[in-house]
């Protein structure tokens, strides 16, 4: 067990980037990006290891399945 703990510390060293935060979900931009409040500050957050079709708000047309990916995130936040 001690070896497993030692390995996890090497693979996942403690730093400011891998801490858990309490967030208040605001909205989903698409299937891999959300807006949330962290410590009273609104933030745009990319979900790690998630890649979904883009909504392309600036171009006016979403990629195939982008709406479904966004809906999935919106439903998942209710769980």
PDB file of N, CA and C in Angstrom:
ATOM      1  N   UNK A   1       0.827  -1.201   0.000  1.00  0.00           N
ATOM      2  CA  UNK A   1       0.000   0.000   0.000  1.00  0.00           C
ATOM      3  C   UNK A   1       0.869   1.262   0.000  1.00  0.00           C
ATOM      4  N   UNK A   2       1.954   1.241   0.733  1.00  0.00           N
ATOM      5  CA  UNK A   2       2.845   2.406   0.781  1.00  0.00           C
ATOM      6  C   UNK A   2       3.399   2.711  -0.604  1.00  0.00           C
ATOM      7  N   UNK A   3       3.709   1.650  -1.397  1.00  0.00           N
ATOM      8  CA  UNK A   3       4.209   1.857  -2.755  1.00  0.00           C
ATOM      9  C   UNK A   3       3.165   2.546  -3.626  1.00  0.00           C
ATOM     10  N   UNK A   4       1.910   2.153  -3.468  1.00  0.00           N
ATOM     11  CA  UNK A   4       0.827   2.771  -4.230  1.00  0.00           C
ATOM     12  C   UNK A   4       0.703   4.253  -3.885  1.00  0.00           C
ATOM     13  N   UNK A   5       0.811   4.589  -2.607  1.00  0.00           N
ATOM     14  CA  UNK A   5       0.742   5.997  -2.204  1.00  0.00           C
ATOM     15  C   UNK A   5       1.918   6.774  -2.765  1.00  0.00           C
ATOM     16  N   UNK A   6       3.096   6.181  -2.750  1.00  0.00           N
ATOM     17  CA  UNK A   6       4.285   6.841  -3.279  1.00  0.00           C
ATOM     18  C   UNK A   6       4.123   7.096  -4.775  1.00  0.00           C
ATOM     19  N   UNK A   7       3.604   6.102  -5.508  1.00  0.00           N
ATOM     20  CA  UNK A   7       3.393   6.255  -6.950  1.00  0.00           C
ATOM     21  C   UNK A   7       2.368   7.347  -7.223  1.00  0.00           C
ATOM     22  N   UNK A   8       1.283   7.380  -6.463  1.00  0.00           N
ATOM     23  CA  UNK A   8       0.260   8.398  -6.711  1.00  0.00           C
ATOM     24  C   UNK A   8       0.805   9.803  -6.464  1.00  0.00           C
ATOM     25  N   UNK A   9       1.713   9.941  -5.510  1.00  0.00           N
ATOM     26  CA  UNK A   9       2.307  11.264  -5.263  1.00  0.00           C
ATOM     27  C   UNK A   9       3.211  11.688  -6.410  1.00  0.00           C
ATOM     28  N   UNK A  10       3.842  10.718  -7.061  1.00  0.00           N
ATOM     29  CA  UNK A  10       4.690  11.033  -8.211  1.00  0.00           C
ATOM     30  C   UNK A  10       3.830  11.382  -9.420  1.00  0.00           C
ATOM     31  N   UNK A  11       2.792  10.584  -9.668  1.00  0.00           N
ATOM     32  CA  UNK A  11       1.939  10.820 -10.830  1.00  0.00           C
ATOM     33  C   UNK A  11       1.064  12.053 -10.667  1.00  0.00           C
ATOM     34  N   UNK A  12       0.642  12.311  -9.454  1.00  0.00           N
ATOM     35  CA  UNK A  12      -0.262  13.428  -9.184  1.00  0.00           C
ATOM     36  C   UNK A  12       0.281  14.288  -8.056  1.00  0.00           C
ATOM     37  N   UNK A  13       1.394  14.986  -8.304  1.00  0.00           N
ATOM     38  CA  UNK A  13       1.952  15.809  -7.231  1.00  0.00           C
ATOM     39  C   UNK A  13       0.974  16.910  -6.834  1.00  0.00           C
ATOM     40  N   UNK A  14       0.979  17.229  -5.567  1.00  0.00           N
ATOM     41  CA  UNK A  14       0.074  18.264  -5.081  1.00  0.00           C
ATOM     42  C   UNK A  14       0.569  19.628  -5.540  1.00  0.00           C
ATOM     43  N   UNK A  15      -0.291  20.369  -6.191  1.00  0.00           N
ATOM     44  CA  UNK A  15      -0.001  21.746  -6.560  1.00  0.00           C
ATOM     45  C   UNK A  15      -1.317  22.482  -6.722  1.00  0.00           C
ATOM     46  N   UNK A  16      -1.260  23.740  -7.064  1.00  0.00           N
ATOM     47  CA  UNK A  16      -2.492  24.522  -7.142  1.00  0.00           C
ATOM     48  C   UNK A  16      -3.388  24.112  -8.300  1.00  0.00           C
ATOM     49  N   UNK A  17      -2.898  23.323  -9.243  1.00  0.00           N
ATOM     50  CA  UNK A  17      -3.686  22.969 -10.417  1.00  0.00           C
ATOM     51  C   UNK A  17      -4.497  21.696 -10.243  1.00  0.00           C
ATOM     52  N   UNK A  18      -4.207  20.884  -9.237  1.00  0.00           N
ATOM     53  CA  UNK A  18      -4.946  19.633  -9.118  1.00  0.00           C
ATOM     54  C   UNK A  18      -5.724  19.524  -7.812  1.00  0.00           C
ATOM     55  N   UNK A  19      -6.131  20.637  -7.279  1.00  0.00           N
ATOM     56  CA  UNK A  19      -6.948  20.636  -6.066  1.00  0.00           C
ATOM     57  C   UNK A  19      -8.418  20.600  -6.440  1.00  0.00           C
ATOM     58  N   UNK A  20      -9.218  20.086  -5.530  1.00  0.00           N
ATOM     59  CA  UNK A  20     -10.668  20.082  -5.733  1.00  0.00           C
ATOM     60  C   UNK A  20     -11.239  21.409  -5.263  1.00  0.00           C
ATOM     61  N   UNK A  21     -12.243  21.890  -5.996  1.00  0.00           N
ATOM     62  CA  UNK A  21     -12.896  23.142  -5.667  1.00  0.00           C
ATOM     63  C   UNK A  21     -14.394  22.925  -5.611  1.00  0.00           C
ATOM     64  N   UNK A  22     -15.048  23.612  -4.715  1.00  0.00           N
ATOM     65  CA  UNK A  22     -16.507  23.685  -4.741  1.00  0.00           C
ATOM     66  C   UNK A  22     -16.860  24.739  -5.771  1.00  0.00           C
ATOM     67  N   UNK A  23     -17.774  24.391  -6.673  1.00  0.00           N
ATOM     68  CA  UNK A  23     -18.180  25.353  -7.696  1.00  0.00           C
ATOM     69  C   UNK A  23     -19.689  25.501  -7.683  1.00  0.00           C
ATOM     70  N   UNK A  24     -20.138  26.625  -8.214  1.00  0.00           N
ATOM     71  CA  UNK A  24     -21.557  26.850  -8.467  1.00  0.00           C
ATOM     72  C   UNK A  24     -21.717  26.934  -9.982  1.00  0.00           C
ATOM     73  N   UNK A  25     -22.308  25.882 -10.548  1.00  0.00           N
ATOM     74  CA  UNK A  25     -22.517  25.795 -11.994  1.00  0.00           C
ATOM     75  C   UNK A  25     -23.416  26.936 -12.445  1.00  0.00           C
ATOM     76  N   UNK A  26     -23.054  27.568 -13.554  1.00  0.00           N
ATOM     77  CA  UNK A  26     -23.878  28.629 -14.133  1.00  0.00           C
ATOM     78  C   UNK A  26     -24.496  28.162 -15.450  1.00  0.00           C
ATOM     79  N   UNK A  27     -23.641  27.731 -16.404  1.00  0.00           N
ATOM     80  CA  UNK A  27     -24.163  27.296 -17.696  1.00  0.00           C
ATOM     81  C   UNK A  27     -23.114  26.484 -18.439  1.00  0.00           C
ATOM     82  N   UNK A  28     -23.575  25.793 -19.484  1.00  0.00           N
ATOM     83  CA  UNK A  28     -22.674  25.082 -20.388  1.00  0.00           C
ATOM     84  C   UNK A  28     -22.540  25.897 -21.669  1.00  0.00           C
ATOM     85  N   UNK A  29     -21.317  26.101 -22.106  1.00  0.00           N
ATOM     86  CA  UNK A  29     -21.091  26.738 -23.403  1.00  0.00           C
ATOM     87  C   UNK A  29     -21.279  25.708 -24.507  1.00  0.00           C
ATOM     88  N   UNK A  30     -20.713  24.518 -24.267  1.00  0.00           N
ATOM     89  CA  UNK A  30     -20.853  23.388 -25.178  1.00  0.00           C
ATOM     90  C   UNK A  30     -20.595  22.126 -24.363  1.00  0.00           C
ATOM     91  N   UNK A  31     -20.250  21.019 -24.999  1.00  0.00           N
ATOM     92  CA  UNK A  31     -20.099  19.761 -24.285  1.00  0.00           C
ATOM     93  C   UNK A  31     -18.827  19.614 -23.484  1.00  0.00           C
ATOM     94  N   UNK A  32     -17.867  20.527 -23.662  1.00  0.00           N
ATOM     95  CA  UNK A  32     -16.622  20.416 -22.903  1.00  0.00           C
ATOM     96  C   UNK A  32     -16.190  21.705 -22.215  1.00  0.00           C
ATOM     97  N   UNK A  33     -17.070  22.686 -22.166  1.00  0.00           N
ATOM     98  CA  UNK A  33     -16.751  23.967 -21.525  1.00  0.00           C
ATOM     99  C   UNK A  33     -17.966  24.466 -20.754  1.00  0.00           C
ATOM    100  N   UNK A  34     -17.739  24.838 -19.485  1.00  0.00           N
ATOM    101  CA  UNK A  34     -18.824  25.369 -18.657  1.00  0.00           C
ATOM    102  C   UNK A  34     -18.416  26.698 -18.056  1.00  0.00           C
ATOM    103  N   UNK A  35     -19.397  27.398 -17.524  1.00  0.00           N
ATOM    104  CA  UNK A  35     -19.139  28.591 -16.728  1.00  0.00           C
ATOM    105  C   UNK A  35     -19.588  28.283 -15.314  1.00  0.00           C
ATOM    106  N   UNK A  36     -18.765  28.640 -14.349  1.00  0.00           N
ATOM    107  CA  UNK A  36     -19.081  28.384 -12.947  1.00  0.00           C
ATOM    108  C   UNK A  36     -18.458  29.468 -12.085  1.00  0.00           C
ATOM    109  N   UNK A  37     -18.946  29.566 -10.868  1.00  0.00           N
ATOM    110  CA  UNK A  37     -18.379  30.489  -9.897  1.00  0.00           C
ATOM    111  C   UNK A  37     -17.500  29.692  -8.945  1.00  0.00           C
ATOM    112  N   UNK A  38     -16.252  30.137  -8.786  1.00  0.00           N
ATOM    113  CA  UNK A  38     -15.320  29.542  -7.840  1.00  0.00           C
ATOM    114  C   UNK A  38     -14.875  30.656  -6.904  1.00  0.00           C
ATOM    115  N   UNK A  39     -15.133  30.471  -5.613  1.00  0.00           N
ATOM    116  CA  UNK A  39     -14.785  31.490  -4.616  1.00  0.00           C
ATOM    117  C   UNK A  39     -15.318  32.870  -4.992  1.00  0.00           C
ATOM    118  N   UNK A  40     -16.540  32.908  -5.502  1.00  0.00           N
ATOM    119  CA  UNK A  40     -17.179  34.178  -5.834  1.00  0.00           C
ATOM    120  C   UNK A  40     -16.767  34.777  -7.164  1.00  0.00           C
ATOM    121  N   UNK A  41     -15.904  34.104  -7.922  1.00  0.00           N
ATOM    122  CA  UNK A  41     -15.419  34.623  -9.196  1.00  0.00           C
ATOM    123  C   UNK A  41     -15.917  33.750 -10.348  1.00  0.00           C
ATOM    124  N   UNK A  42     -16.548  34.374 -11.355  1.00  0.00           N
ATOM    125  CA  UNK A  42     -17.017  33.625 -12.522  1.00  0.00           C
ATOM    126  C   UNK A  42     -15.818  33.171 -13.337  1.00  0.00           C
ATOM    127  N   UNK A  43     -15.847  31.884 -13.742  1.00  0.00           N
ATOM    128  CA  UNK A  43     -14.754  31.324 -14.518  1.00  0.00           C
ATOM    129  C   UNK A  43     -15.291  30.493 -15.670  1.00  0.00           C
ATOM    130  N   UNK A  44     -14.586  30.515 -16.775  1.00  0.00           N
ATOM    131  CA  UNK A  44     -14.847  29.626 -17.895  1.00  0.00           C
ATOM    132  C   UNK A  44     -13.931  28.424 -17.696  1.00  0.00           C
ATOM    133  N   UNK A  45     -14.500  27.220 -17.672  1.00  0.00           N
ATOM    134  CA  UNK A  45     -13.753  26.020 -17.316  1.00  0.00           C
ATOM    135  C   UNK A  45     -13.836  24.992 -18.439  1.00  0.00           C
ATOM    136  N   UNK A  46     -12.681  24.552 -18.905  1.00  0.00           N
ATOM    137  CA  UNK A  46     -12.610  23.450 -19.876  1.00  0.00           C
ATOM    138  C   UNK A  46     -12.549  22.152 -19.089  1.00  0.00           C
ATOM    139  N   UNK A  47     -13.358  21.172 -19.479  1.00  0.00           N
ATOM    140  CA  UNK A  47     -13.382  19.892 -18.791  1.00  0.00           C
ATOM    141  C   UNK A  47     -12.214  19.038 -19.276  1.00  0.00           C
ATOM    142  N   UNK A  48     -11.422  18.559 -18.342  1.00  0.00           N
ATOM    143  CA  UNK A  48     -10.219  17.796 -18.623  1.00  0.00           C
ATOM    144  C   UNK A  48     -10.554  16.471 -19.294  1.00  0.00           C
ATOM    145  N   UNK A  49      -9.830  16.149 -20.351  1.00  0.00           N
ATOM    146  CA  UNK A  49      -9.946  14.885 -21.083  1.00  0.00           C
ATOM    147  C   UNK A  49     -11.319  14.708 -21.750  1.00  0.00           C
ATOM    148  N   UNK A  50     -11.992  15.799 -22.043  1.00  0.00           N
ATOM    149  CA  UNK A  50     -13.280  15.750 -22.740  1.00  0.00           C
ATOM    150  C   UNK A  50     -13.131  16.549 -24.025  1.00  0.00           C
ATOM    151  N   UNK A  51     -13.510  15.955 -25.132  1.00  0.00           N
ATOM    152  CA  UNK A  51     -13.446  16.641 -26.422  1.00  0.00           C
ATOM    153  C   UNK A  51     -14.758  16.396 -27.155  1.00  0.00           C
ATOM    154  N   UNK A  52     -15.510  17.439 -27.368  1.00  0.00           N
ATOM    155  CA  UNK A  52     -16.802  17.322 -28.037  1.00  0.00           C
ATOM    156  C   UNK A  52     -16.865  18.291 -29.204  1.00  0.00           C
ATOM    157  N   UNK A  53     -17.829  18.115 -30.114  1.00  0.00           N
ATOM    158  CA  UNK A  53     -17.988  19.053 -31.223  1.00  0.00           C
ATOM    159  C   UNK A  53     -18.251  20.477 -30.704  1.00  0.00           C
ATOM    160  N   UNK A  54     -17.790  21.438 -31.442  1.00  0.00           N
ATOM    161  CA  UNK A  54     -17.901  22.841 -31.026  1.00  0.00           C
ATOM    162  C   UNK A  54     -19.222  23.460 -31.487  1.00  0.00           C
ATOM    163  N   UNK A  55     -19.704  24.408 -30.684  1.00  0.00           N
ATOM    164  CA  UNK A  55     -20.937  25.111 -31.026  1.00  0.00           C
ATOM    165  C   UNK A  55     -20.696  26.173 -32.100  1.00  0.00           C
ATOM    166  N   UNK A  56     -19.481  26.687 -32.219  1.00  0.00           N
ATOM    167  CA  UNK A  56     -19.130  27.700 -33.229  1.00  0.00           C
ATOM    168  C   UNK A  56     -20.057  28.908 -33.176  1.00  0.00           C
ATOM    169  N   UNK A  57     -20.199  29.487 -31.997  1.00  0.00           N
ATOM    170  CA  UNK A  57     -21.079  30.639 -31.829  1.00  0.00           C
ATOM    171  C   UNK A  57     -20.706  31.788 -32.766  1.00  0.00           C
ATOM    172  N   UNK A  58     -19.416  32.005 -32.987  1.00  0.00           N
ATOM    173  CA  UNK A  58     -18.986  33.117 -33.833  1.00  0.00           C
ATOM    174  C   UNK A  58     -19.232  32.860 -35.321  1.00  0.00           C
ATOM    175  N   UNK A  59     -19.305  31.599 -35.710  1.00  0.00           N
ATOM    176  CA  UNK A  59     -19.535  31.262 -37.121  1.00  0.00           C
ATOM    177  C   UNK A  59     -21.005  31.039 -37.433  1.00  0.00           C
ATOM    178  N   UNK A  60     -21.828  30.859 -36.401  1.00  0.00           N
ATOM    179  CA  UNK A  60     -23.258  30.733 -36.611  1.00  0.00           C
ATOM    180  C   UNK A  60     -23.788  29.338 -36.850  1.00  0.00           C
ATOM    181  N   UNK A  61     -22.922  28.333 -36.952  1.00  0.00           N
ATOM    182  CA  UNK A  61     -23.425  26.976 -37.156  1.00  0.00           C
ATOM    183  C   UNK A  61     -22.623  25.982 -36.317  1.00  0.00           C
ATOM    184  N   UNK A  62     -23.343  25.176 -35.587  1.00  0.00           N
ATOM    185  CA  UNK A  62     -22.700  24.191 -34.714  1.00  0.00           C
ATOM    186  C   UNK A  62     -22.248  22.978 -35.516  1.00  0.00           C
ATOM    187  N   UNK A  63     -21.183  22.324 -35.034  1.00  0.00           N
ATOM    188  CA  UNK A  63     -20.749  21.077 -35.634  1.00  0.00           C
ATOM    189  C   UNK A  63     -21.773  19.986 -35.313  1.00  0.00           C
ATOM    190  N   UNK A  64     -21.805  18.907 -36.111  1.00  0.00           N
ATOM    191  CA  UNK A  64     -22.743  17.815 -35.819  1.00  0.00           C
ATOM    192  C   UNK A  64     -22.582  17.293 -34.392  1.00  0.00           C
ATOM    193  N   UNK A  65     -23.700  17.090 -33.730  1.00  0.00           N
ATOM    194  CA  UNK A  65     -23.804  16.566 -32.362  1.00  0.00           C
ATOM    195  C   UNK A  65     -23.357  17.540 -31.258  1.00  0.00           C
ATOM    196  N   UNK A  66     -23.050  18.777 -31.614  1.00  0.00           N
ATOM    197  CA  UNK A  66     -22.648  19.756 -30.599  1.00  0.00           C
ATOM    198  C   UNK A  66     -23.795  20.057 -29.640  1.00  0.00           C
ATOM    199  N   UNK A  67     -24.998  20.207 -30.157  1.00  0.00           N
ATOM    200  CA  UNK A  67     -26.165  20.480 -29.301  1.00  0.00           C
ATOM    201  C   UNK A  67     -26.408  19.329 -28.333  1.00  0.00           C
ATOM    202  N   UNK A  68     -26.273  18.096 -28.812  1.00  0.00           N
ATOM    203  CA  UNK A  68     -26.486  16.928 -27.951  1.00  0.00           C
ATOM    204  C   UNK A  68     -25.429  16.850 -26.858  1.00  0.00           C
ATOM    205  N   UNK A  69     -24.187  17.202 -27.183  1.00  0.00           N
ATOM    206  CA  UNK A  69     -23.114  17.198 -26.183  1.00  0.00           C
ATOM    207  C   UNK A  69     -23.384  18.248 -25.104  1.00  0.00           C
ATOM    208  N   UNK A  70     -23.847  19.421 -25.519  1.00  0.00           N
ATOM    209  CA  UNK A  70     -24.181  20.475 -24.559  1.00  0.00           C
ATOM    210  C   UNK A  70     -25.340  20.043 -23.665  1.00  0.00           C
ATOM    211  N   UNK A  71     -26.353  19.434 -24.247  1.00  0.00           N
ATOM    212  CA  UNK A  71     -27.500  18.944 -23.470  1.00  0.00           C
ATOM    213  C   UNK A  71     -27.074  17.878 -22.463  1.00  0.00           C
ATOM    214  N   UNK A  72     -26.121  17.036 -22.846  1.00  0.00           N
ATOM    215  CA  UNK A  72     -25.620  16.001 -21.944  1.00  0.00           C
ATOM    216  C   UNK A  72     -24.995  16.633 -20.698  1.00  0.00           C
ATOM    217  N   UNK A  73     -24.183  17.664 -20.902  1.00  0.00           N
ATOM    218  CA  UNK A  73     -23.548  18.358 -19.771  1.00  0.00           C
ATOM    219  C   UNK A  73     -24.612  19.028 -18.904  1.00  0.00           C
ATOM    220  N   UNK A  74     -25.590  19.650 -19.524  1.00  0.00           N
ATOM    221  CA  UNK A  74     -26.651  20.314 -18.755  1.00  0.00           C
ATOM    222  C   UNK A  74     -27.425  19.314 -17.908  1.00  0.00           C
ATOM    223  N   UNK A  75     -27.688  18.122 -18.431  1.00  0.00           N
ATOM    224  CA  UNK A  75     -28.379  17.087 -17.664  1.00  0.00           C
ATOM    225  C   UNK A  75     -27.484  16.511 -16.581  1.00  0.00           C
ATOM    226  N   UNK A  76     -26.204  16.332 -16.878  1.00  0.00           N
ATOM    227  CA  UNK A  76     -25.261  15.732 -15.928  1.00  0.00           C
ATOM    228  C   UNK A  76     -25.068  16.609 -14.695  1.00  0.00           C
ATOM    229  N   UNK A  77     -25.140  17.890 -14.828  1.00  0.00           N
ATOM    230  CA  UNK A  77     -24.939  18.776 -13.675  1.00  0.00           C
ATOM    231  C   UNK A  77     -26.087  18.665 -12.670  1.00  0.00           C
ATOM    232  N   UNK A  78     -27.213  18.119 -13.085  1.00  0.00           N
ATOM    233  CA  UNK A  78     -28.356  17.951 -12.180  1.00  0.00           C
ATOM    234  C   UNK A  78     -28.199  16.733 -11.288  1.00  0.00           C
ATOM    235  N   UNK A  79     -27.280  15.835 -11.633  1.00  0.00           N
ATOM    236  CA  UNK A  79     -27.087  14.597 -10.873  1.00  0.00           C
ATOM    237  C   UNK A  79     -26.350  14.851  -9.592  1.00  0.00           C
TER     238      UNK A  79
END
